[in-house]
Amino acid sequence: MVADKKKCQTLINTVAKEVVELKRISDTLSKCRQLYQDQNVNPQGTPLEGHVADISDWIDVVNATANNAVANGFLDHVVPSHRNKALGEQ
């Protein structure tokens, strides 16, 4: 039987791996938004018309999620040598 501590570490390491990816995505979205804003794009007649503020707000939520205390806490507790198999195959 796999010890609970190993199962917990598998969850921590798996979530932390995805947090890193979420931070990468957050960075890409923020850079893209900034490029869009810097070019003063007119969204009229496109699917973005009337939704630019919504998208910007959503990017803010992604950024906040990627950089909140919970996400960063997982990163602080990664054990690189752990094999991440205690919960079975993911």
Protein backbone atom coordinates (compact mmCIF):
# COMPACT_ATOMS: atom_id res chain seq x y z
CA MET A 1 0.00 0.00 0.00
CA VAL A 2 1.32 3.45 -0.93
CA ALA A 3 1.81 5.80 2.00
CA ASP A 4 -0.45 8.84 2.24
CA LYS A 5 2.59 11.16 2.32
CA LYS A 6 3.65 9.88 -1.08
CA LYS A 7 0.12 10.38 -2.43
CA CYS A 8 0.13 13.94 -1.12
CA GLN A 9 3.51 14.63 -2.71
CA THR A 10 2.27 13.26 -6.03
CA LEU A 11 -0.66 15.70 -5.90
CA ILE A 12 1.64 18.60 -4.94
CA ASN A 13 4.13 17.88 -7.71
CA THR A 14 1.41 17.36 -10.33
CA VAL A 15 -0.39 20.58 -9.43
CA ALA A 16 2.92 22.48 -9.33
CA LYS A 17 3.77 21.28 -12.82
CA GLU A 18 0.46 22.64 -14.08
CA VAL A 19 0.97 25.90 -12.16
CA VAL A 20 4.20 26.41 -14.10
CA GLU A 21 2.26 25.90 -17.33
CA LEU A 22 -0.50 28.26 -16.15
CA LYS A 23 2.13 30.92 -15.40
CA ARG A 24 3.53 30.48 -18.91
CA ILE A 25 0.04 30.83 -20.40
CA SER A 26 -0.65 33.87 -18.22
CA ASP A 27 2.54 35.52 -19.43
CA THR A 28 1.69 34.81 -23.08
CA LEU A 29 -1.84 36.19 -22.70
CA SER A 30 -0.57 39.34 -20.99
CA LYS A 31 2.04 39.97 -23.67
CA CYS A 32 -0.50 39.43 -26.44
CA ARG A 33 -2.99 41.77 -24.77
CA GLN A 34 -0.31 44.44 -24.42
CA LEU A 35 0.66 44.13 -28.08
CA TYR A 36 -3.02 44.40 -29.04
CA GLN A 37 -3.52 47.48 -26.87
CA ASP A 38 -0.30 49.13 -28.08
CA GLN A 39 -1.51 48.88 -31.68
CA ASN A 40 -4.88 50.49 -30.94
CA VAL A 41 -6.75 47.77 -32.85
CA ASN A 42 -10.34 48.46 -33.89
CA PRO A 43 -12.35 45.26 -33.25
CA GLN A 44 -15.44 46.48 -35.12
CA GLY A 45 -16.90 43.79 -37.35
CA THR A 46 -14.93 40.98 -35.67
CA PRO A 47 -15.88 38.48 -32.96
CA LEU A 48 -14.00 40.73 -30.52
CA GLU A 49 -16.41 43.62 -31.03
CA GLY A 50 -18.02 44.37 -27.70
CA HIS A 51 -15.89 41.78 -25.91
CA VAL A 52 -12.42 43.32 -25.58
CA ALA A 53 -13.02 44.37 -21.97
CA ASP A 54 -14.41 40.90 -21.16
CA ILE A 55 -11.30 39.25 -22.56
CA SER A 56 -9.06 41.66 -20.70
CA ASP A 57 -10.91 40.93 -17.45
CA TRP A 58 -10.58 37.19 -18.10
CA ILE A 59 -6.81 37.57 -18.65
CA ASP A 60 -6.65 39.39 -15.30
CA VAL A 61 -8.39 36.41 -13.65
CA VAL A 62 -5.93 33.98 -15.26
CA ASN A 63 -3.03 36.13 -14.04
CA ALA A 64 -4.44 36.31 -10.52
CA THR A 65 -5.00 32.56 -10.43
CA ALA A 66 -1.53 31.78 -11.75
CA ASN A 67 0.13 34.03 -9.20
CA ASN A 68 -1.94 33.59 -6.07
CA ALA A 69 -0.68 32.22 -2.77
CA VAL A 70 -2.14 28.76 -3.32
CA ALA A 71 -0.43 28.35 -6.69
CA ASN A 72 2.87 29.63 -5.36
CA GLY A 73 2.55 27.39 -2.32
CA PHE A 74 2.53 24.31 -4.51
CA LEU A 75 5.71 25.50 -6.19
CA ASP A 76 7.36 25.94 -2.79
CA HIS A 77 6.74 22.30 -1.86
CA VAL A 78 7.86 20.40 -4.95
CA VAL A 79 10.13 17.43 -4.34
CA PRO A 80 11.96 16.93 -7.66
CA SER A 81 13.14 13.43 -6.79
CA HIS A 82 9.56 12.19 -6.18
CA ARG A 83 8.36 9.90 -8.98
CA ASN A 84 4.73 11.16 -8.97
CA LYS A 85 3.21 7.69 -9.31
CA ALA A 86 1.59 7.27 -5.87
CA LEU A 87 -1.91 8.10 -7.11
CA GLY A 88 -1.68 5.76 -10.09
CA GLU A 89 -1.38 6.84 -13.69
CA GLN A 90 -2.43 10.39 -14.53
